[in-house]
Amino acid sequence: MNFSQITDDLFIGAMPSVRDYDSLRDLGVRLIINMRFSRAPKPDPHQPPIKMLWLKNIDSPFFLISIPKLIQGAQAALETIRDGGKVYAHCAYGRHRGVAMGACILIAQGYDPSNAMRLIKERRPFADPFAFYIRPRILKFAKEWNGKK
């Protein structure tokens, strides 16, 4: 499975298969946030299942990631973490959309946006939170999130 642990509570990676759910469960993951547009998450057959949140987004500079979806994902992540669970954010390869969601989760936890992006890049070198169409969405999320406090 292709993923990176960013903090004690946050993992970012590629889309997991149903076979990967046991490994994620063993890590304490209780929420999987899927940022892919065309591939729905496969339900977890175990009881209780890992909660799935599908926030459809296209990885393209022509279709910007929705700020309301980033807020929805960050809120769900915070609730999961407060309840003692961990979060796995992903897109197809764990390079852009899942990374944006992960950065937004960190910002919602109090990280400065620049520090959140640097931490992700450090822990997942393949990630590109500084991509010209990803970084502005992270910064816009931070402005909106911090403005709502």
N, C-alpha and C. Protein backbone atom coordinates (compact mmCIF):
# COMPACT_ATOMS: atom_id res chain seq x y z
N MET A 1 0.85 -1.17 0.00
CA MET A 1 0.00 0.00 0.00
C MET A 1 0.89 1.24 0.00
N ASN A 2 0.56 2.22 -0.83
CA ASN A 2 1.36 3.42 -1.01
C ASN A 2 0.78 4.55 -0.16
N PHE A 3 1.36 4.77 1.02
CA PHE A 3 0.89 5.85 1.88
C PHE A 3 2.03 6.34 2.75
N SER A 4 1.81 7.50 3.37
CA SER A 4 2.79 8.09 4.27
C SER A 4 2.08 8.55 5.53
N GLN A 5 2.73 8.35 6.67
CA GLN A 5 2.19 8.87 7.93
C GLN A 5 2.71 10.30 8.08
N ILE A 6 1.79 11.24 8.17
CA ILE A 6 2.16 12.65 8.27
C ILE A 6 2.25 13.07 9.74
N THR A 7 1.26 12.71 10.52
CA THR A 7 1.26 12.94 11.98
C THR A 7 0.73 11.67 12.63
N ASP A 8 0.62 11.68 13.94
CA ASP A 8 0.06 10.52 14.64
C ASP A 8 -1.36 10.22 14.17
N ASP A 9 -2.09 11.26 13.71
CA ASP A 9 -3.51 11.11 13.37
C ASP A 9 -3.82 11.14 11.88
N LEU A 10 -2.82 11.40 11.04
CA LEU A 10 -3.09 11.64 9.62
C LEU A 10 -2.15 10.84 8.72
N PHE A 11 -2.77 10.16 7.77
CA PHE A 11 -2.05 9.44 6.72
C PHE A 11 -2.53 9.98 5.38
N ILE A 12 -1.61 10.04 4.41
CA ILE A 12 -1.96 10.45 3.05
C ILE A 12 -1.38 9.42 2.10
N GLY A 13 -2.16 9.07 1.08
CA GLY A 13 -1.64 8.09 0.13
C GLY A 13 -2.49 7.92 -1.10
N ALA A 14 -2.22 6.82 -1.78
CA ALA A 14 -2.96 6.44 -2.98
C ALA A 14 -4.26 5.77 -2.57
N MET A 15 -5.12 5.57 -3.55
CA MET A 15 -6.42 4.95 -3.26
C MET A 15 -6.22 3.53 -2.73
N PRO A 16 -6.77 3.25 -1.55
CA PRO A 16 -6.61 1.89 -1.00
C PRO A 16 -7.60 0.92 -1.64
N SER A 17 -7.22 -0.33 -1.66
CA SER A 17 -8.13 -1.39 -2.09
C SER A 17 -8.82 -1.95 -0.84
N VAL A 18 -9.84 -2.74 -1.04
CA VAL A 18 -10.53 -3.37 0.09
C VAL A 18 -9.54 -4.22 0.89
N ARG A 19 -8.56 -4.81 0.20
CA ARG A 19 -7.53 -5.62 0.88
C ARG A 19 -6.73 -4.79 1.88
N ASP A 20 -6.64 -3.47 1.64
CA ASP A 20 -5.86 -2.59 2.51
C ASP A 20 -6.60 -2.16 3.77
N TYR A 21 -7.89 -2.37 3.82
CA TYR A 21 -8.68 -1.88 4.95
C TYR A 21 -8.23 -2.49 6.27
N ASP A 22 -7.84 -3.76 6.28
CA ASP A 22 -7.37 -4.35 7.54
C ASP A 22 -6.13 -3.64 8.05
N SER A 23 -5.20 -3.32 7.14
CA SER A 23 -3.98 -2.60 7.54
C SER A 23 -4.33 -1.21 8.07
N LEU A 24 -5.24 -0.53 7.40
CA LEU A 24 -5.64 0.80 7.86
C LEU A 24 -6.33 0.72 9.22
N ARG A 25 -7.18 -0.27 9.39
CA ARG A 25 -7.87 -0.47 10.67
C ARG A 25 -6.84 -0.72 11.78
N ASP A 26 -5.82 -1.54 11.47
CA ASP A 26 -4.77 -1.83 12.46
C ASP A 26 -4.00 -0.57 12.87
N LEU A 27 -3.92 0.40 11.95
CA LEU A 27 -3.25 1.67 12.25
C LEU A 27 -4.15 2.62 13.05
N GLY A 28 -5.41 2.27 13.19
CA GLY A 28 -6.35 3.11 13.92
C GLY A 28 -7.17 4.04 13.04
N VAL A 29 -7.10 3.84 11.72
CA VAL A 29 -7.87 4.69 10.81
C VAL A 29 -9.35 4.38 10.97
N ARG A 30 -10.13 5.44 11.18
CA ARG A 30 -11.58 5.31 11.33
C ARG A 30 -12.34 6.12 10.26
N LEU A 31 -11.58 6.90 9.46
CA LEU A 31 -12.19 7.69 8.39
C LEU A 31 -11.25 7.70 7.19
N ILE A 32 -11.80 7.35 6.03
CA ILE A 32 -11.08 7.46 4.76
C ILE A 32 -11.76 8.55 3.94
N ILE A 33 -10.98 9.55 3.55
CA ILE A 33 -11.51 10.63 2.72
C ILE A 33 -11.00 10.42 1.30
N ASN A 34 -11.92 10.16 0.40
CA ASN A 34 -11.62 9.90 -1.02
C ASN A 34 -11.82 11.20 -1.80
N MET A 35 -10.75 11.70 -2.41
CA MET A 35 -10.81 12.94 -3.18
C MET A 35 -10.87 12.68 -4.69
N ARG A 36 -11.11 11.45 -5.09
CA ARG A 36 -11.18 11.12 -6.52
C ARG A 36 -12.55 11.46 -7.08
N PHE A 37 -12.61 11.75 -8.37
CA PHE A 37 -13.88 12.08 -8.99
C PHE A 37 -14.62 10.83 -9.47
N SER A 38 -13.90 9.96 -10.14
CA SER A 38 -14.58 8.87 -10.86
C SER A 38 -14.54 7.52 -10.16
N ARG A 39 -13.83 7.40 -9.08
CA ARG A 39 -13.74 6.10 -8.39
C ARG A 39 -14.29 6.20 -6.99
N ALA A 40 -15.47 5.67 -6.81
CA ALA A 40 -16.10 5.67 -5.49
C ALA A 40 -15.35 4.73 -4.56
N PRO A 41 -15.39 5.02 -3.27
CA PRO A 41 -14.76 4.09 -2.33
C PRO A 41 -15.54 2.78 -2.27
N LYS A 42 -14.83 1.70 -2.13
CA LYS A 42 -15.47 0.40 -1.93
C LYS A 42 -15.86 0.30 -0.46
N PRO A 43 -17.06 -0.16 -0.19
CA PRO A 43 -17.49 -0.27 1.22
C PRO A 43 -16.62 -1.27 1.99
N ASP A 44 -16.43 -0.97 3.25
CA ASP A 44 -15.68 -1.85 4.14
C ASP A 44 -16.63 -2.94 4.63
N PRO A 45 -16.32 -4.21 4.35
CA PRO A 45 -17.24 -5.29 4.74
C PRO A 45 -17.19 -5.65 6.22
N HIS A 46 -16.27 -5.07 6.97
CA HIS A 46 -16.12 -5.41 8.38
C HIS A 46 -17.12 -4.64 9.23
N GLN A 47 -17.36 -5.17 10.43
CA GLN A 47 -18.23 -4.50 11.40
C GLN A 47 -17.43 -4.15 12.63
N PRO A 48 -17.39 -2.93 13.07
CA PRO A 48 -17.96 -1.79 12.36
C PRO A 48 -17.05 -1.40 11.20
N PRO A 49 -17.63 -0.88 10.13
CA PRO A 49 -16.82 -0.50 8.97
C PRO A 49 -16.06 0.81 9.20
N ILE A 50 -14.98 0.98 8.46
CA ILE A 50 -14.31 2.28 8.44
C ILE A 50 -15.26 3.23 7.71
N LYS A 51 -15.44 4.41 8.26
CA LYS A 51 -16.32 5.40 7.63
C LYS A 51 -15.64 5.93 6.36
N MET A 52 -16.44 6.10 5.30
CA MET A 52 -15.95 6.61 4.02
C MET A 52 -16.60 7.96 3.74
N LEU A 53 -15.81 8.92 3.28
CA LEU A 53 -16.32 10.22 2.86
C LEU A 53 -15.79 10.47 1.45
N TRP A 54 -16.69 10.52 0.49
CA TRP A 54 -16.30 10.71 -0.91
C TRP A 54 -16.57 12.15 -1.31
N LEU A 55 -15.49 12.90 -1.52
CA LEU A 55 -15.56 14.30 -1.91
C LEU A 55 -15.02 14.41 -3.34
N LYS A 56 -15.90 14.23 -4.31
CA LYS A 56 -15.50 14.16 -5.72
C LYS A 56 -14.77 15.41 -6.19
N ASN A 57 -13.55 15.20 -6.73
CA ASN A 57 -12.75 16.29 -7.27
C ASN A 57 -11.92 15.77 -8.43
N ILE A 58 -11.80 16.58 -9.46
CA ILE A 58 -10.96 16.26 -10.61
C ILE A 58 -9.59 16.86 -10.38
N ASP A 59 -8.52 16.11 -10.71
CA ASP A 59 -7.16 16.62 -10.56
C ASP A 59 -6.80 17.37 -11.84
N SER A 60 -7.13 18.66 -11.85
CA SER A 60 -6.88 19.48 -13.03
C SER A 60 -6.84 20.95 -12.63
N PRO A 61 -5.94 21.71 -13.23
CA PRO A 61 -5.94 23.15 -12.95
C PRO A 61 -7.19 23.85 -13.50
N PHE A 62 -7.95 23.18 -14.35
CA PHE A 62 -9.17 23.75 -14.91
C PHE A 62 -10.40 23.52 -14.04
N PHE A 63 -10.29 22.62 -13.05
CA PHE A 63 -11.38 22.30 -12.12
C PHE A 63 -10.83 22.39 -10.71
N LEU A 64 -10.93 23.55 -10.12
CA LEU A 64 -10.32 23.77 -8.80
C LEU A 64 -11.05 22.98 -7.72
N ILE A 65 -10.29 22.56 -6.73
CA ILE A 65 -10.88 21.83 -5.60
C ILE A 65 -11.84 22.75 -4.87
N SER A 66 -13.02 22.25 -4.60
CA SER A 66 -14.07 23.00 -3.93
C SER A 66 -13.69 23.29 -2.47
N ILE A 67 -13.72 24.55 -2.09
CA ILE A 67 -13.45 24.92 -0.70
C ILE A 67 -14.50 24.32 0.24
N PRO A 68 -15.81 24.35 -0.10
CA PRO A 68 -16.78 23.69 0.80
C PRO A 68 -16.48 22.21 1.00
N LYS A 69 -15.97 21.52 -0.01
CA LYS A 69 -15.62 20.11 0.18
C LYS A 69 -14.41 19.96 1.09
N LEU A 70 -13.44 20.86 0.96
CA LEU A 70 -12.29 20.81 1.87
C LEU A 70 -12.73 21.08 3.30
N ILE A 71 -13.64 22.01 3.48
CA ILE A 71 -14.17 22.29 4.82
C ILE A 71 -14.93 21.08 5.36
N GLN A 72 -15.74 20.47 4.51
CA GLN A 72 -16.49 19.27 4.94
C GLN A 72 -15.53 18.17 5.38
N GLY A 73 -14.48 17.95 4.60
CA GLY A 73 -13.50 16.91 4.94
C GLY A 73 -12.75 17.23 6.22
N ALA A 74 -12.36 18.50 6.39
CA ALA A 74 -11.63 18.89 7.60
C ALA A 74 -12.51 18.73 8.83
N GLN A 75 -13.78 19.11 8.73
CA GLN A 75 -14.69 18.95 9.86
C GLN A 75 -14.87 17.48 10.24
N ALA A 76 -15.04 16.62 9.22
CA ALA A 76 -15.20 15.18 9.50
C ALA A 76 -13.92 14.62 10.11
N ALA A 77 -12.77 15.08 9.63
CA ALA A 77 -11.49 14.60 10.16
C ALA A 77 -11.33 15.02 11.62
N LEU A 78 -11.63 16.27 11.92
CA LEU A 78 -11.50 16.74 13.30
C LEU A 78 -12.40 15.94 14.24
N GLU A 79 -13.61 15.67 13.81
CA GLU A 79 -14.54 14.89 14.62
C GLU A 79 -13.98 13.48 14.87
N THR A 80 -13.45 12.86 13.83
CA THR A 80 -12.87 11.51 13.94
C THR A 80 -11.69 11.52 14.90
N ILE A 81 -10.81 12.50 14.75
CA ILE A 81 -9.62 12.59 15.61
C ILE A 81 -10.03 12.86 17.05
N ARG A 82 -11.00 13.74 17.26
CA ARG A 82 -11.49 14.01 18.64
C ARG A 82 -12.04 12.75 19.29
N ASP A 83 -12.62 11.86 18.46
CA ASP A 83 -13.18 10.61 18.98
C ASP A 83 -12.14 9.50 19.11
N GLY A 84 -10.86 9.83 18.87
CA GLY A 84 -9.78 8.86 19.06
C GLY A 84 -9.38 8.10 17.81
N GLY A 85 -9.97 8.43 16.67
CA GLY A 85 -9.62 7.75 15.42
C GLY A 85 -8.57 8.50 14.63
N LYS A 86 -8.11 7.86 13.57
CA LYS A 86 -7.15 8.46 12.66
C LYS A 86 -7.78 8.58 11.28
N VAL A 87 -7.16 9.39 10.42
CA VAL A 87 -7.73 9.72 9.12
C VAL A 87 -6.75 9.36 8.01
N TYR A 88 -7.29 8.81 6.93
CA TYR A 88 -6.53 8.51 5.72
C TYR A 88 -7.13 9.33 4.59
N ALA A 89 -6.38 10.31 4.06
CA ALA A 89 -6.84 11.12 2.94
C ALA A 89 -6.12 10.63 1.68
N HIS A 90 -6.88 10.48 0.60
CA HIS A 90 -6.25 9.97 -0.62
C HIS A 90 -6.90 10.53 -1.87
N CYS A 91 -6.15 10.39 -2.94
CA CYS A 91 -6.63 10.62 -4.30
C CYS A 91 -6.12 9.42 -5.10
N ALA A 92 -5.86 9.57 -6.35
CA ALA A 92 -5.39 8.43 -7.14
C ALA A 92 -4.00 7.97 -6.69
N TYR A 93 -3.09 8.93 -6.55
CA TYR A 93 -1.70 8.58 -6.25
C TYR A 93 -1.16 9.22 -4.98
N GLY A 94 -1.95 10.05 -4.31
CA GLY A 94 -1.47 10.71 -3.10
C GLY A 94 -0.48 11.81 -3.39
N ARG A 95 -0.73 12.54 -4.47
CA ARG A 95 0.20 13.59 -4.89
C ARG A 95 -0.41 14.99 -4.81
N HIS A 96 -1.69 15.15 -5.18
CA HIS A 96 -2.30 16.47 -5.24
C HIS A 96 -3.56 16.61 -4.37
N ARG A 97 -4.68 16.02 -4.80
CA ARG A 97 -5.95 16.24 -4.11
C ARG A 97 -5.94 15.71 -2.67
N GLY A 98 -5.45 14.50 -2.48
CA GLY A 98 -5.36 13.96 -1.12
C GLY A 98 -4.41 14.77 -0.25
N VAL A 99 -3.37 15.29 -0.88
CA VAL A 99 -2.40 16.14 -0.18
C VAL A 99 -3.06 17.46 0.22
N ALA A 100 -3.86 18.04 -0.68
CA ALA A 100 -4.58 19.27 -0.35
C ALA A 100 -5.50 19.02 0.84
N MET A 101 -6.22 17.90 0.83
CA MET A 101 -7.11 17.58 1.94
C MET A 101 -6.30 17.41 3.22
N GLY A 102 -5.18 16.71 3.13
CA GLY A 102 -4.33 16.52 4.30
C GLY A 102 -3.83 17.83 4.87
N ALA A 103 -3.41 18.75 3.99
CA ALA A 103 -2.95 20.06 4.45
C ALA A 103 -4.07 20.82 5.14
N CYS A 104 -5.27 20.71 4.60
CA CYS A 104 -6.42 21.39 5.20
C CYS A 104 -6.75 20.81 6.57
N ILE A 105 -6.60 19.52 6.72
CA ILE A 105 -6.81 18.89 8.04
C ILE A 105 -5.80 19.44 9.05
N LEU A 106 -4.55 19.53 8.63
CA LEU A 106 -3.52 20.07 9.52
C LEU A 106 -3.82 21.53 9.89
N ILE A 107 -4.24 22.32 8.92
CA ILE A 107 -4.59 23.72 9.18
C ILE A 107 -5.76 23.79 10.16
N ALA A 108 -6.74 22.91 9.98
CA ALA A 108 -7.88 22.87 10.91
C ALA A 108 -7.44 22.49 12.32
N GLN A 109 -6.32 21.78 12.43
CA GLN A 109 -5.77 21.42 13.74
C GLN A 109 -4.88 22.52 14.32
N GLY A 110 -4.70 23.60 13.56
CA GLY A 110 -3.93 24.73 14.08
C GLY A 110 -2.59 24.98 13.41
N TYR A 111 -2.22 24.16 12.42
CA TYR A 111 -0.95 24.39 11.72
C TYR A 111 -1.04 25.63 10.85
N ASP A 112 0.07 26.33 10.74
CA ASP A 112 0.23 27.39 9.75
C ASP A 112 0.24 26.73 8.37
N PRO A 113 -0.39 27.32 7.36
CA PRO A 113 -0.45 26.68 6.04
C PRO A 113 0.92 26.31 5.47
N SER A 114 1.90 27.19 5.59
CA SER A 114 3.24 26.89 5.06
C SER A 114 3.87 25.71 5.79
N ASN A 115 3.70 25.68 7.10
CA ASN A 115 4.25 24.56 7.87
C ASN A 115 3.54 23.25 7.54
N ALA A 116 2.23 23.32 7.31
CA ALA A 116 1.48 22.12 6.94
C ALA A 116 1.98 21.56 5.60
N MET A 117 2.16 22.43 4.62
CA MET A 117 2.64 21.98 3.32
C MET A 117 4.06 21.43 3.40
N ARG A 118 4.91 22.10 4.17
CA ARG A 118 6.30 21.62 4.31
C ARG A 118 6.34 20.26 5.01
N LEU A 119 5.53 20.10 6.05
CA LEU A 119 5.51 18.82 6.76
C LEU A 119 5.08 17.69 5.84
N ILE A 120 4.05 17.92 5.05
CA ILE A 120 3.59 16.89 4.11
C ILE A 120 4.69 16.56 3.11
N LYS A 121 5.33 17.57 2.56
CA LYS A 121 6.40 17.35 1.57
C LYS A 121 7.56 16.58 2.21
N GLU A 122 7.86 16.89 3.45
CA GLU A 122 8.94 16.21 4.18
C GLU A 122 8.60 14.73 4.41
N ARG A 123 7.37 14.45 4.81
CA ARG A 123 6.97 13.08 5.15
C ARG A 123 6.53 12.26 3.94
N ARG A 124 6.17 12.96 2.85
CA ARG A 124 5.76 12.29 1.61
C ARG A 124 6.41 13.05 0.45
N PRO A 125 7.69 12.78 0.18
CA PRO A 125 8.42 13.54 -0.84
C PRO A 125 7.75 13.56 -2.22
N PHE A 126 6.99 12.53 -2.53
CA PHE A 126 6.28 12.42 -3.80
C PHE A 126 5.15 13.45 -3.91
N ALA A 127 4.66 13.91 -2.77
CA ALA A 127 3.54 14.86 -2.73
C ALA A 127 3.96 16.21 -3.29
N ASP A 128 2.99 16.94 -3.84
CA ASP A 128 3.28 18.26 -4.39
C ASP A 128 2.24 19.29 -3.92
N PRO A 129 2.28 19.64 -2.63
CA PRO A 129 1.33 20.64 -2.14
C PRO A 129 1.61 22.03 -2.71
N PHE A 130 2.79 22.21 -3.32
CA PHE A 130 3.16 23.51 -3.86
C PHE A 130 2.82 23.64 -5.34
N ALA A 131 2.14 22.65 -5.91
CA ALA A 131 1.73 22.74 -7.32
C ALA A 131 0.93 24.02 -7.52
N PHE A 132 1.09 24.64 -8.68
CA PHE A 132 0.52 25.97 -8.93
C PHE A 132 -1.00 26.03 -8.77
N TYR A 133 -1.69 24.92 -8.86
CA TYR A 133 -3.15 24.94 -8.71
C TYR A 133 -3.61 24.28 -7.41
N ILE A 134 -2.69 23.73 -6.63
CA ILE A 134 -3.02 23.12 -5.34
C ILE A 134 -2.76 24.10 -4.19
N ARG A 135 -1.60 24.71 -4.17
CA ARG A 135 -1.22 25.64 -3.10
C ARG A 135 -2.26 26.75 -2.91
N PRO A 136 -2.74 27.40 -3.99
CA PRO A 136 -3.75 28.45 -3.77
C PRO A 136 -5.04 27.95 -3.12
N ARG A 137 -5.41 26.70 -3.38
CA ARG A 137 -6.63 26.16 -2.75
C ARG A 137 -6.40 25.93 -1.26
N ILE A 138 -5.21 25.47 -0.91
CA ILE A 138 -4.86 25.28 0.50
C ILE A 138 -4.88 26.63 1.22
N LEU A 139 -4.29 27.65 0.60
CA LEU A 139 -4.25 28.97 1.21
C LEU A 139 -5.65 29.59 1.31
N LYS A 140 -6.48 29.38 0.31
CA LYS A 140 -7.85 29.88 0.36
C LYS A 140 -8.64 29.18 1.47
N PHE A 141 -8.44 27.86 1.59
CA PHE A 141 -9.09 27.13 2.69
C PHE A 141 -8.67 27.75 4.03
N ALA A 142 -7.37 27.97 4.20
CA ALA A 142 -6.86 28.50 5.48
C ALA A 142 -7.50 29.85 5.79
N LYS A 143 -7.61 30.70 4.78
CA LYS A 143 -8.23 32.01 4.98
C LYS A 143 -9.69 31.88 5.41
N GLU A 144 -10.42 31.02 4.73
CA GLU A 144 -11.83 30.82 5.07
C GLU A 144 -11.99 30.13 6.42
N TRP A 145 -11.19 29.09 6.66
CA TRP A 145 -11.28 28.35 7.93
C TRP A 145 -10.98 29.26 9.10
N ASN A 146 -9.90 30.01 9.00
CA ASN A 146 -9.49 30.88 10.11
C ASN A 146 -10.42 32.07 10.27
N GLY A 147 -11.11 32.46 9.20
CA GLY A 147 -12.08 33.54 9.27
C GLY A 147 -13.36 33.13 9.95
N LYS A 148 -13.61 31.81 10.02
CA LYS A 148 -14.85 31.30 10.64
C LYS A 148 -14.72 31.13 12.14
N LYS A 149 -13.51 31.23 12.66
CA LYS A 149 -13.29 31.01 14.11
C LYS A 149 -13.90 32.13 14.92
